[in-house]
Amino acid sequence: MNILTIVTIGFLFLEATNVIALYFYPDSKLANSVGVFTAWEKSKQDPEIHSLVKYLVNWVAGTKLIFILLLIVILYTADQRTLVLSSTALVISIASFFWRLFPLIRKMDRDG
């Protein structure tokens, strides 16, 4: 097992905990769940808004699940070249989090 495989398995574990938290424990403040946001609690006051927010949370969890399952297939079937290329694609897709979502989360956190 090479280092790329080990890192990918670690990423799979991290994402799996995120999916479990989002699907089953969205009120949690652990594993990137949404309980850390005051807007999550505020959305509960308006059932229509809360339904939309829950839909979006489950959509994120489903997207993460797609990544997890595709990575498992890649780890199981891919040769070294495909593993390197898929890891590169994964790094690019994760970079979008730090480009768009992370700054937004920091701003929301600063604003309370």
PDB file of N, CA and C in Angstrom:
ATOM      1  N   MET A   1       0.850  -1.169   0.000  1.00  0.00           N
ATOM      2  CA  MET A   1       0.000   0.000   0.000  1.00  0.00           C
ATOM      3  C   MET A   1       0.905   1.245   0.000  1.00  0.00           C
ATOM      4  N   ASN A   2       0.690   2.126  -0.974  1.00  0.00           N
ATOM      5  CA  ASN A   2       1.513   3.326  -1.053  1.00  0.00           C
ATOM      6  C   ASN A   2       0.875   4.486  -0.284  1.00  0.00           C
ATOM      7  N   ILE A   3       1.609   5.590  -0.196  1.00  0.00           N
ATOM      8  CA  ILE A   3       1.159   6.738   0.594  1.00  0.00           C
ATOM      9  C   ILE A   3      -0.122   7.343   0.028  1.00  0.00           C
ATOM     10  N   LEU A   4      -0.269   7.343  -1.290  1.00  0.00           N
ATOM     11  CA  LEU A   4      -1.473   7.900  -1.914  1.00  0.00           C
ATOM     12  C   LEU A   4      -2.709   7.105  -1.513  1.00  0.00           C
ATOM     13  N   THR A   5      -2.586   5.809  -1.449  1.00  0.00           N
ATOM     14  CA  THR A   5      -3.693   4.952  -1.026  1.00  0.00           C
ATOM     15  C   THR A   5      -4.040   5.206   0.442  1.00  0.00           C
ATOM     16  N   ILE A   6      -3.028   5.343   1.271  1.00  0.00           N
ATOM     17  CA  ILE A   6      -3.247   5.575   2.704  1.00  0.00           C
ATOM     18  C   ILE A   6      -3.950   6.918   2.920  1.00  0.00           C
ATOM     19  N   VAL A   7      -3.501   7.956   2.221  1.00  0.00           N
ATOM     20  CA  VAL A   7      -4.125   9.283   2.346  1.00  0.00           C
ATOM     21  C   VAL A   7      -5.574   9.233   1.857  1.00  0.00           C
ATOM     22  N   THR A   8      -5.808   8.524   0.765  1.00  0.00           N
ATOM     23  CA  THR A   8      -7.163   8.410   0.224  1.00  0.00           C
ATOM     24  C   THR A   8      -8.077   7.684   1.205  1.00  0.00           C
ATOM     25  N   ILE A   9      -7.589   6.643   1.830  1.00  0.00           N
ATOM     26  CA  ILE A   9      -8.389   5.920   2.829  1.00  0.00           C
ATOM     27  C   ILE A   9      -8.692   6.831   4.021  1.00  0.00           C
ATOM     28  N   GLY A  10      -7.716   7.632   4.431  1.00  0.00           N
ATOM     29  CA  GLY A  10      -7.954   8.596   5.509  1.00  0.00           C
ATOM     30  C   GLY A  10      -9.030   9.606   5.130  1.00  0.00           C
ATOM     31  N   PHE A  11      -8.978  10.088   3.887  1.00  0.00           N
ATOM     32  CA  PHE A  11      -9.990  11.014   3.401  1.00  0.00           C
ATOM     33  C   PHE A  11     -11.363  10.343   3.377  1.00  0.00           C
ATOM     34  N   LEU A  12     -11.404   9.085   2.956  1.00  0.00           N
ATOM     35  CA  LEU A  12     -12.668   8.344   2.939  1.00  0.00           C
ATOM     36  C   LEU A  12     -13.262   8.248   4.337  1.00  0.00           C
ATOM     37  N   PHE A  13     -12.438   7.958   5.320  1.00  0.00           N
ATOM     38  CA  PHE A  13     -12.907   7.862   6.701  1.00  0.00           C
ATOM     39  C   PHE A  13     -13.464   9.201   7.181  1.00  0.00           C
ATOM     40  N   LEU A  14     -12.724  10.281   6.900  1.00  0.00           N
ATOM     41  CA  LEU A  14     -13.172  11.620   7.294  1.00  0.00           C
ATOM     42  C   LEU A  14     -14.508  11.961   6.649  1.00  0.00           C
ATOM     43  N   GLU A  15     -14.632  11.719   5.370  1.00  0.00           N
ATOM     44  CA  GLU A  15     -15.880  12.021   4.664  1.00  0.00           C
ATOM     45  C   GLU A  15     -17.028  11.137   5.152  1.00  0.00           C
ATOM     46  N   ALA A  16     -16.735   9.886   5.485  1.00  0.00           N
ATOM     47  CA  ALA A  16     -17.779   8.989   5.994  1.00  0.00           C
ATOM     48  C   ALA A  16     -18.339   9.511   7.316  1.00  0.00           C
ATOM     49  N   THR A  17     -17.472  10.039   8.188  1.00  0.00           N
ATOM     50  CA  THR A  17     -17.977  10.608   9.439  1.00  0.00           C
ATOM     51  C   THR A  17     -18.835  11.843   9.161  1.00  0.00           C
ATOM     52  N   ASN A  18     -18.452  12.618   8.144  1.00  0.00           N
ATOM     53  CA  ASN A  18     -19.258  13.780   7.770  1.00  0.00           C
ATOM     54  C   ASN A  18     -20.637  13.356   7.284  1.00  0.00           C
ATOM     55  N   VAL A  19     -20.693  12.326   6.452  1.00  0.00           N
ATOM     56  CA  VAL A  19     -21.970  11.848   5.911  1.00  0.00           C
ATOM     57  C   VAL A  19     -22.868  11.341   7.036  1.00  0.00           C
ATOM     58  N   ILE A  20     -22.304  10.571   7.944  1.00  0.00           N
ATOM     59  CA  ILE A  20     -23.087  10.051   9.077  1.00  0.00           C
ATOM     60  C   ILE A  20     -23.637  11.206   9.912  1.00  0.00           C
ATOM     61  N   ALA A  21     -22.779  12.195  10.182  1.00  0.00           N
ATOM     62  CA  ALA A  21     -23.228  13.341  10.979  1.00  0.00           C
ATOM     63  C   ALA A  21     -24.328  14.116  10.264  1.00  0.00           C
ATOM     64  N   LEU A  22     -24.156  14.372   8.982  1.00  0.00           N
ATOM     65  CA  LEU A  22     -25.147  15.158   8.244  1.00  0.00           C
ATOM     66  C   LEU A  22     -26.477  14.427   8.114  1.00  0.00           C
ATOM     67  N   TYR A  23     -26.436  13.133   7.843  1.00  0.00           N
ATOM     68  CA  TYR A  23     -27.678  12.381   7.673  1.00  0.00           C
ATOM     69  C   TYR A  23     -28.395  12.106   9.000  1.00  0.00           C
ATOM     70  N   PHE A  24     -27.641  11.730  10.023  1.00  0.00           N
ATOM     71  CA  PHE A  24     -28.261  11.222  11.250  1.00  0.00           C
ATOM     72  C   PHE A  24     -28.163  12.157  12.452  1.00  0.00           C
ATOM     73  N   TYR A  25     -27.198  13.072  12.453  1.00  0.00           N
ATOM     74  CA  TYR A  25     -27.006  13.977  13.590  1.00  0.00           C
ATOM     75  C   TYR A  25     -26.770  15.412  13.119  1.00  0.00           C
ATOM     76  N   PRO A  26     -27.690  15.976  12.347  1.00  0.00           N
ATOM     77  CA  PRO A  26     -27.438  17.321  11.810  1.00  0.00           C
ATOM     78  C   PRO A  26     -27.333  18.392  12.898  1.00  0.00           C
ATOM     79  N   ASP A  27     -27.916  18.161  14.061  1.00  0.00           N
ATOM     80  CA  ASP A  27     -27.820  19.134  15.153  1.00  0.00           C
ATOM     81  C   ASP A  27     -26.463  19.112  15.853  1.00  0.00           C
ATOM     82  N   SER A  28     -25.651  18.125  15.539  1.00  0.00           N
ATOM     83  CA  SER A  28     -24.343  17.982  16.170  1.00  0.00           C
ATOM     84  C   SER A  28     -23.422  19.144  15.801  1.00  0.00           C
ATOM     85  N   LYS A  29     -22.468  19.389  16.677  1.00  0.00           N
ATOM     86  CA  LYS A  29     -21.453  20.393  16.400  1.00  0.00           C
ATOM     87  C   LYS A  29     -20.126  19.732  16.051  1.00  0.00           C
ATOM     88  N   LEU A  30     -20.166  18.430  15.780  1.00  0.00           N
ATOM     89  CA  LEU A  30     -18.972  17.660  15.425  1.00  0.00           C
ATOM     90  C   LEU A  30     -19.036  17.213  13.971  1.00  0.00           C
ATOM     91  N   ALA A  31     -17.887  16.859  13.419  1.00  0.00           N
ATOM     92  CA  ALA A  31     -17.774  16.236  12.094  1.00  0.00           C
ATOM     93  C   ALA A  31     -18.442  17.054  10.991  1.00  0.00           C
ATOM     94  N   ASN A  32     -18.233  18.348  11.012  1.00  0.00           N
ATOM     95  CA  ASN A  32     -18.785  19.248   9.980  1.00  0.00           C
ATOM     96  C   ASN A  32     -20.296  19.193   9.877  1.00  0.00           C
ATOM     97  N   SER A  33     -20.956  18.899  10.957  1.00  0.00           N
ATOM     98  CA  SER A  33     -22.410  18.949  10.940  1.00  0.00           C
ATOM     99  C   SER A  33     -22.842  20.409  11.055  1.00  0.00           C
ATOM    100  N   VAL A  34     -24.136  20.671  10.978  1.00  0.00           N
ATOM    101  CA  VAL A  34     -24.590  22.054  10.877  1.00  0.00           C
ATOM    102  C   VAL A  34     -25.060  22.652  12.199  1.00  0.00           C
ATOM    103  N   GLY A  35     -24.941  21.915  13.285  1.00  0.00           N
ATOM    104  CA  GLY A  35     -25.344  22.433  14.579  1.00  0.00           C
ATOM    105  C   GLY A  35     -24.517  23.620  15.039  1.00  0.00           C
ATOM    106  N   VAL A  36     -23.364  23.829  14.433  1.00  0.00           N
ATOM    107  CA  VAL A  36     -22.513  24.959  14.811  1.00  0.00           C
ATOM    108  C   VAL A  36     -23.065  26.289  14.307  1.00  0.00           C
ATOM    109  N   PHE A  37     -23.965  26.243  13.357  1.00  0.00           N
ATOM    110  CA  PHE A  37     -24.501  27.480  12.788  1.00  0.00           C
ATOM    111  C   PHE A  37     -25.770  27.902  13.523  1.00  0.00           C
ATOM    112  N   THR A  38     -25.806  29.142  13.961  1.00  0.00           N
ATOM    113  CA  THR A  38     -27.012  29.644  14.608  1.00  0.00           C
ATOM    114  C   THR A  38     -28.174  29.678  13.614  1.00  0.00           C
ATOM    115  N   ALA A  39     -27.869  29.806  12.346  1.00  0.00           N
ATOM    116  CA  ALA A  39     -28.923  29.835  11.319  1.00  0.00           C
ATOM    117  C   ALA A  39     -29.669  28.507  11.265  1.00  0.00           C
ATOM    118  N   TRP A  40     -29.010  27.406  11.622  1.00  0.00           N
ATOM    119  CA  TRP A  40     -29.677  26.101  11.655  1.00  0.00           C
ATOM    120  C   TRP A  40     -30.817  26.137  12.667  1.00  0.00           C
ATOM    121  N   GLU A  41     -30.527  26.644  13.850  1.00  0.00           N
ATOM    122  CA  GLU A  41     -31.559  26.741  14.889  1.00  0.00           C
ATOM    123  C   GLU A  41     -32.629  27.757  14.497  1.00  0.00           C
ATOM    124  N   LYS A  42     -32.227  28.878  13.929  1.00  0.00           N
ATOM    125  CA  LYS A  42     -33.194  29.896  13.510  1.00  0.00           C
ATOM    126  C   LYS A  42     -34.120  29.359  12.421  1.00  0.00           C
ATOM    127  N   SER A  43     -33.592  28.513  11.556  1.00  0.00           N
ATOM    128  CA  SER A  43     -34.422  27.978  10.463  1.00  0.00           C
ATOM    129  C   SER A  43     -35.552  27.106  10.992  1.00  0.00           C
ATOM    130  N   LYS A  44     -35.382  26.548  12.187  1.00  0.00           N
ATOM    131  CA  LYS A  44     -36.414  25.693  12.768  1.00  0.00           C
ATOM    132  C   LYS A  44     -37.682  26.475  13.126  1.00  0.00           C
ATOM    133  N   GLN A  45     -37.552  27.777  13.231  1.00  0.00           N
ATOM    134  CA  GLN A  45     -38.718  28.608  13.552  1.00  0.00           C
ATOM    135  C   GLN A  45     -39.666  28.756  12.366  1.00  0.00           C
ATOM    136  N   ASP A  46     -39.155  28.519  11.167  1.00  0.00           N
ATOM    137  CA  ASP A  46     -39.968  28.606   9.953  1.00  0.00           C
ATOM    138  C   ASP A  46     -39.902  27.246   9.252  1.00  0.00           C
ATOM    139  N   PRO A  47     -40.958  26.430   9.361  1.00  0.00           N
ATOM    140  CA  PRO A  47     -40.919  25.070   8.805  1.00  0.00           C
ATOM    141  C   PRO A  47     -40.562  25.019   7.312  1.00  0.00           C
ATOM    142  N   GLU A  48     -41.008  25.997   6.552  1.00  0.00           N
ATOM    143  CA  GLU A  48     -40.711  25.997   5.118  1.00  0.00           C
ATOM    144  C   GLU A  48     -39.214  26.206   4.871  1.00  0.00           C
ATOM    145  N   ILE A  49     -38.637  27.160   5.581  1.00  0.00           N
ATOM    146  CA  ILE A  49     -37.200  27.421   5.454  1.00  0.00           C
ATOM    147  C   ILE A  49     -36.401  26.235   5.978  1.00  0.00           C
ATOM    148  N   HIS A  50     -36.841  25.677   7.098  1.00  0.00           N
ATOM    149  CA  HIS A  50     -36.110  24.544   7.680  1.00  0.00           C
ATOM    150  C   HIS A  50     -36.146  23.331   6.741  1.00  0.00           C
ATOM    151  N   SER A  51     -37.252  23.128   6.067  1.00  0.00           N
ATOM    152  CA  SER A  51     -37.317  22.033   5.093  1.00  0.00           C
ATOM    153  C   SER A  51     -36.303  22.245   3.972  1.00  0.00           C
ATOM    154  N   LEU A  52     -36.174  23.467   3.499  1.00  0.00           N
ATOM    155  CA  LEU A  52     -35.184  23.770   2.463  1.00  0.00           C
ATOM    156  C   LEU A  52     -33.770  23.545   2.978  1.00  0.00           C
ATOM    157  N   VAL A  53     -33.496  24.012   4.189  1.00  0.00           N
ATOM    158  CA  VAL A  53     -32.171  23.835   4.770  1.00  0.00           C
ATOM    159  C   VAL A  53     -31.861  22.353   4.957  1.00  0.00           C
ATOM    160  N   LYS A  54     -32.826  21.583   5.449  1.00  0.00           N
ATOM    161  CA  LYS A  54     -32.615  20.135   5.603  1.00  0.00           C
ATOM    162  C   LYS A  54     -32.354  19.484   4.248  1.00  0.00           C
ATOM    163  N   TYR A  55     -33.098  19.911   3.226  1.00  0.00           N
ATOM    164  CA  TYR A  55     -32.878  19.389   1.877  1.00  0.00           C
ATOM    165  C   TYR A  55     -31.432  19.651   1.436  1.00  0.00           C
ATOM    166  N   LEU A  56     -30.956  20.867   1.647  1.00  0.00           N
ATOM    167  CA  LEU A  56     -29.595  21.213   1.241  1.00  0.00           C
ATOM    168  C   LEU A  56     -28.546  20.433   2.030  1.00  0.00           C
ATOM    169  N   VAL A  57     -28.787  20.241   3.319  1.00  0.00           N
ATOM    170  CA  VAL A  57     -27.868  19.451   4.143  1.00  0.00           C
ATOM    171  C   VAL A  57     -27.813  18.015   3.624  1.00  0.00           C
ATOM    172  N   ASN A  58     -28.962  17.440   3.320  1.00  0.00           N
ATOM    173  CA  ASN A  58     -28.993  16.079   2.790  1.00  0.00           C
ATOM    174  C   ASN A  58     -28.394  16.001   1.386  1.00  0.00           C
ATOM    175  N   TRP A  59     -28.534  17.062   0.609  1.00  0.00           N
ATOM    176  CA  TRP A  59     -27.924  17.100  -0.717  1.00  0.00           C
ATOM    177  C   TRP A  59     -26.408  17.066  -0.598  1.00  0.00           C
ATOM    178  N   VAL A  60     -25.864  17.835   0.348  1.00  0.00           N
ATOM    179  CA  VAL A  60     -24.418  17.827   0.584  1.00  0.00           C
ATOM    180  C   VAL A  60     -23.965  16.435   1.014  1.00  0.00           C
ATOM    181  N   ALA A  61     -24.716  15.815   1.924  1.00  0.00           N
ATOM    182  CA  ALA A  61     -24.366  14.467   2.387  1.00  0.00           C
ATOM    183  C   ALA A  61     -24.398  13.480   1.220  1.00  0.00           C
ATOM    184  N   GLY A  62     -25.393  13.595   0.355  1.00  0.00           N
ATOM    185  CA  GLY A  62     -25.480  12.709  -0.801  1.00  0.00           C
ATOM    186  C   GLY A  62     -24.324  12.894  -1.769  1.00  0.00           C
ATOM    187  N   THR A  63     -23.907  14.130  -1.957  1.00  0.00           N
ATOM    188  CA  THR A  63     -22.759  14.418  -2.817  1.00  0.00           C
ATOM    189  C   THR A  63     -21.489  13.814  -2.233  1.00  0.00           C
ATOM    190  N   LYS A  64     -21.327  13.953  -0.935  1.00  0.00           N
ATOM    191  CA  LYS A  64     -20.176  13.348  -0.268  1.00  0.00           C
ATOM    192  C   LYS A  64     -20.207  11.823  -0.404  1.00  0.00           C
ATOM    193  N   LEU A  65     -21.392  11.258  -0.329  1.00  0.00           N
ATOM    194  CA  LEU A  65     -21.533   9.814  -0.475  1.00  0.00           C
ATOM    195  C   LEU A  65     -21.115   9.355  -1.875  1.00  0.00           C
ATOM    196  N   ILE A  66     -21.457  10.132  -2.880  1.00  0.00           N
ATOM    197  CA  ILE A  66     -21.025   9.819  -4.241  1.00  0.00           C
ATOM    198  C   ILE A  66     -19.502   9.800  -4.318  1.00  0.00           C
ATOM    199  N   PHE A  67     -18.846  10.819  -3.749  1.00  0.00           N
ATOM    200  CA  PHE A  67     -17.389  10.855  -3.722  1.00  0.00           C
ATOM    201  C   PHE A  67     -16.819   9.618  -3.034  1.00  0.00           C
ATOM    202  N   ILE A  68     -17.382   9.264  -1.896  1.00  0.00           N
ATOM    203  CA  ILE A  68     -16.896   8.116  -1.136  1.00  0.00           C
ATOM    204  C   ILE A  68     -16.984   6.839  -1.962  1.00  0.00           C
ATOM    205  N   LEU A  69     -18.138   6.595  -2.545  1.00  0.00           N
ATOM    206  CA  LEU A  69     -18.330   5.358  -3.299  1.00  0.00           C
ATOM    207  C   LEU A  69     -17.449   5.306  -4.542  1.00  0.00           C
ATOM    208  N   LEU A  70     -17.317   6.435  -5.231  1.00  0.00           N
ATOM    209  CA  LEU A  70     -16.426   6.456  -6.391  1.00  0.00           C
ATOM    210  C   LEU A  70     -14.971   6.219  -5.987  1.00  0.00           C
ATOM    211  N   LEU A  71     -14.565   6.788  -4.872  1.00  0.00           N
ATOM    212  CA  LEU A  71     -13.195   6.563  -4.411  1.00  0.00           C
ATOM    213  C   LEU A  71     -12.952   5.111  -4.018  1.00  0.00           C
ATOM    214  N   ILE A  72     -13.934   4.476  -3.432  1.00  0.00           N
ATOM    215  CA  ILE A  72     -13.785   3.058  -3.091  1.00  0.00           C
ATOM    216  C   ILE A  72     -13.598   2.230  -4.357  1.00  0.00           C
ATOM    217  N   VAL A  73     -14.395   2.508  -5.369  1.00  0.00           N
ATOM    218  CA  VAL A  73     -14.257   1.791  -6.647  1.00  0.00           C
ATOM    219  C   VAL A  73     -12.880   2.054  -7.252  1.00  0.00           C
ATOM    220  N   ILE A  74     -12.443   3.303  -7.220  1.00  0.00           N
ATOM    221  CA  ILE A  74     -11.127   3.638  -7.771  1.00  0.00           C
ATOM    222  C   ILE A  74     -10.029   2.920  -7.008  1.00  0.00           C
ATOM    223  N   LEU A  75     -10.086   2.929  -5.679  1.00  0.00           N
ATOM    224  CA  LEU A  75      -9.060   2.240  -4.890  1.00  0.00           C
ATOM    225  C   LEU A  75      -9.035   0.748  -5.181  1.00  0.00           C
ATOM    226  N   TYR A  76     -10.191   0.179  -5.396  1.00  0.00           N
ATOM    227  CA  TYR A  76     -10.292  -1.264  -5.608  1.00  0.00           C
ATOM    228  C   TYR A  76      -9.850  -1.676  -7.013  1.00  0.00           C
ATOM    229  N   THR A  77     -10.102  -0.848  -8.011  1.00  0.00           N
ATOM    230  CA  THR A  77      -9.891  -1.291  -9.396  1.00  0.00           C
ATOM    231  C   THR A  77      -8.782  -0.555 -10.142  1.00  0.00           C
ATOM    232  N   ALA A  78      -8.326   0.582  -9.673  1.00  0.00           N
ATOM    233  CA  ALA A  78      -7.442   1.432 -10.467  1.00  0.00           C
ATOM    234  C   ALA A  78      -5.982   1.006 -10.405  1.00  0.00           C
ATOM    235  N   ASP A  79      -5.298   1.257 -11.516  1.00  0.00           N
ATOM    236  CA  ASP A  79      -3.849   1.109 -11.512  1.00  0.00           C
ATOM    237  C   ASP A  79      -3.238   2.392 -10.937  1.00  0.00           C
ATOM    238  N   GLN A  80      -1.932   2.432 -10.815  1.00  0.00           N
ATOM    239  CA  GLN A  80      -1.266   3.564 -10.177  1.00  0.00           C
ATOM    240  C   GLN A  80      -1.518   4.876 -10.928  1.00  0.00           C
ATOM    241  N   ARG A  81      -1.495   4.850 -12.235  1.00  0.00           N
ATOM    242  CA  ARG A  81      -1.714   6.071 -13.024  1.00  0.00           C
ATOM    243  C   ARG A  81      -3.117   6.632 -12.784  1.00  0.00           C
ATOM    244  N   THR A  82      -4.118   5.773 -12.800  1.00  0.00           N
ATOM    245  CA  THR A  82      -5.492   6.219 -12.564  1.00  0.00           C
ATOM    246  C   THR A  82      -5.652   6.741 -11.145  1.00  0.00           C
ATOM    247  N   LEU A  83      -4.987   6.125 -10.199  1.00  0.00           N
ATOM    248  CA  LEU A  83      -5.044   6.587  -8.811  1.00  0.00           C
ATOM    249  C   LEU A  83      -4.449   7.989  -8.683  1.00  0.00           C
ATOM    250  N   VAL A  84      -3.342   8.230  -9.353  1.00  0.00           N
ATOM    251  CA  VAL A  84      -2.719   9.559  -9.317  1.00  0.00           C
ATOM    252  C   VAL A  84      -3.639  10.589  -9.971  1.00  0.00           C
ATOM    253  N   LEU A  85      -4.197  10.267 -11.124  1.00  0.00           N
ATOM    254  CA  LEU A  85      -5.078  11.202 -11.829  1.00  0.00           C
ATOM    255  C   LEU A  85      -6.359  11.476 -11.035  1.00  0.00           C
ATOM    256  N   SER A  86      -6.935  10.442 -10.459  1.00  0.00           N
ATOM    257  CA  SER A  86      -8.159  10.656  -9.675  1.00  0.00           C
ATOM    258  C   SER A  86      -7.864  11.441  -8.405  1.00  0.00           C
ATOM    259  N   SER A  87      -6.694  11.241  -7.816  1.00  0.00           N
ATOM    260  CA  SER A  87      -6.313  12.022  -6.635  1.00  0.00           C
ATOM    261  C   SER A  87      -6.114  13.487  -7.002  1.00  0.00           C
ATOM    262  N   THR A  88      -5.563  13.730  -8.163  1.00  0.00           N
ATOM    263  CA  THR A  88      -5.408  15.108  -8.637  1.00  0.00           C
ATOM    264  C   THR A  88      -6.777  15.760  -8.817  1.00  0.00           C
ATOM    265  N   ALA A  89      -7.706  15.033  -9.422  1.00  0.00           N
ATOM    266  CA  ALA A  89      -9.069  15.558  -9.593  1.00  0.00           C
ATOM    267  C   ALA A  89      -9.719  15.817  -8.237  1.00  0.00           C
ATOM    268  N   LEU A  90      -9.478  14.948  -7.272  1.00  0.00           N
ATOM    269  CA  LEU A  90     -10.031  15.124  -5.934  1.00  0.00           C
ATOM    270  C   LEU A  90      -9.462  16.371  -5.267  1.00  0.00           C
ATOM    271  N   VAL A  91      -8.169  16.588  -5.404  1.00  0.00           N
ATOM    272  CA  VAL A  91      -7.541  17.779  -4.821  1.00  0.00           C
ATOM    273  C   VAL A  91      -8.134  19.045  -5.435  1.00  0.00           C
ATOM    274  N   ILE A  92      -8.346  19.044  -6.739  1.00  0.00           N
ATOM    275  CA  ILE A  92      -8.940  20.211  -7.400  1.00  0.00           C
ATOM    276  C   ILE A  92     -10.360  20.454  -6.892  1.00  0.00           C
ATOM    277  N   SER A  93     -11.133  19.379  -6.749  1.00  0.00           N
ATOM    278  CA  SER A  93     -12.506  19.552  -6.274  1.00  0.00           C
ATOM    279  C   SER A  93     -12.539  20.023  -4.819  1.00  0.00           C
ATOM    280  N   ILE A  94     -11.623  19.557  -4.008  1.00  0.00           N
ATOM    281  CA  ILE A  94     -11.559  19.996  -2.613  1.00  0.00           C
ATOM    282  C   ILE A  94     -11.102  21.451  -2.539  1.00  0.00           C
ATOM    283  N   ALA A  95     -10.263  21.858  -3.462  1.00  0.00           N
ATOM    284  CA  ALA A  95      -9.790  23.244  -3.485  1.00  0.00           C
ATOM    285  C   ALA A  95     -10.950  24.220  -3.658  1.00  0.00           C
ATOM    286  N   SER A  96     -12.007  23.787  -4.317  1.00  0.00           N
ATOM    287  CA  SER A  96     -13.162  24.665  -4.484  1.00  0.00           C
ATOM    288  C   SER A  96     -13.786  25.016  -3.133  1.00  0.00           C
ATOM    289  N   PHE A  97     -13.685  24.102  -2.166  1.00  0.00           N
ATOM    290  CA  PHE A  97     -14.161  24.398  -0.807  1.00  0.00           C
ATOM    291  C   PHE A  97     -13.397  25.584  -0.235  1.00  0.00           C
ATOM    292  N   PHE A  98     -12.073  25.554  -0.370  1.00  0.00           N
ATOM    293  CA  PHE A  98     -11.256  26.615   0.200  1.00  0.00           C
ATOM    294  C   PHE A  98     -11.356  27.908  -0.606  1.00  0.00           C
ATOM    295  N   TRP A  99     -11.759  27.829  -1.847  1.00  0.00           N
ATOM    296  CA  TRP A  99     -11.909  29.007  -2.693  1.00  0.00           C
ATOM    297  C   TRP A  99     -13.222  29.730  -2.428  1.00  0.00           C
ATOM    298  N   ARG A 100     -14.330  28.976  -2.272  1.00  0.00           N
ATOM    299  CA  ARG A 100     -15.638  29.604  -2.161  1.00  0.00           C
ATOM    300  C   ARG A 100     -16.307  29.408  -0.797  1.00  0.00           C
ATOM    301  N   LEU A 101     -16.345  28.190  -0.299  1.00  0.00           N
ATOM    302  CA  LEU A 101     -17.127  27.905   0.905  1.00  0.00           C
ATOM    303  C   LEU A 101     -16.422  28.324   2.197  1.00  0.00           C
ATOM    304  N   PHE A 102     -15.153  28.020   2.329  1.00  0.00           N
ATOM    305  CA  PHE A 102     -14.453  28.335   3.576  1.00  0.00           C
ATOM    306  C   PHE A 102     -14.460  29.832   3.886  1.00  0.00           C
ATOM    307  N   PRO A 103     -14.176  30.717   2.905  1.00  0.00           N
ATOM    308  CA  PRO A 103     -14.274  32.152   3.211  1.00  0.00           C
ATOM    309  C   PRO A 103     -15.683  32.565   3.647  1.00  0.00           C
ATOM    310  N   LEU A 104     -16.689  31.963   3.053  1.00  0.00           N
ATOM    311  CA  LEU A 104     -18.065  32.274   3.435  1.00  0.00           C
ATOM    312  C   LEU A 104     -18.357  31.814   4.864  1.00  0.00           C
ATOM    313  N   ILE A 105     -17.888  30.643   5.211  1.00  0.00           N
ATOM    314  CA  ILE A 105     -18.089  30.126   6.574  1.00  0.00           C
ATOM    315  C   ILE A 105     -17.354  31.013   7.591  1.00  0.00           C
ATOM    316  N   ARG A 106     -16.122  31.415   7.269  1.00  0.00           N
ATOM    317  CA  ARG A 106     -15.402  32.297   8.178  1.00  0.00           C
ATOM    318  C   ARG A 106     -16.121  33.609   8.371  1.00  0.00           C
ATOM    319  N   LYS A 107     -16.648  34.175   7.302  1.00  0.00           N
ATOM    320  CA  LYS A 107     -17.393  35.439   7.389  1.00  0.00           C
ATOM    321  C   LYS A 107     -18.628  35.267   8.269  1.00  0.00           C
ATOM    322  N   MET A 108     -19.376  34.169   8.054  1.00  0.00           N
ATOM    323  CA  MET A 108     -20.566  33.923   8.868  1.00  0.00           C
ATOM    324  C   MET A 108     -20.194  33.738  10.338  1.00  0.00           C
ATOM    325  N   ASP A 109     -19.081  33.069  10.580  1.00  0.00           N
ATOM    326  CA  ASP A 109     -18.627  32.854  11.948  1.00  0.00           C
ATOM    327  C   ASP A 109     -18.256  34.176  12.615  1.00  0.00           C
ATOM    328  N   ARG A 110     -17.544  35.021  11.884  1.00  0.00           N
ATOM    329  CA  ARG A 110     -17.175  36.334  12.423  1.00  0.00           C
ATOM    330  C   ARG A 110     -18.409  37.188  12.709  1.00  0.00           C
ATOM    331  N   ASP A 111     -19.421  37.065  11.847  1.00  0.00           N
ATOM    332  CA  ASP A 111     -20.637  37.862  11.996  1.00  0.00           C
ATOM    333  C   ASP A 111     -21.588  37.287  13.039  1.00  0.00           C
ATOM    334  N   GLY A 112     -21.241  36.135  13.566  1.00  0.00           N
ATOM    335  CA  GLY A 112     -22.079  35.523  14.590  1.00  0.00           C
ATOM    336  C   GLY A 112     -23.239  34.791  13.984  1.00  0.00           C
TER     337      GLY A 112
END
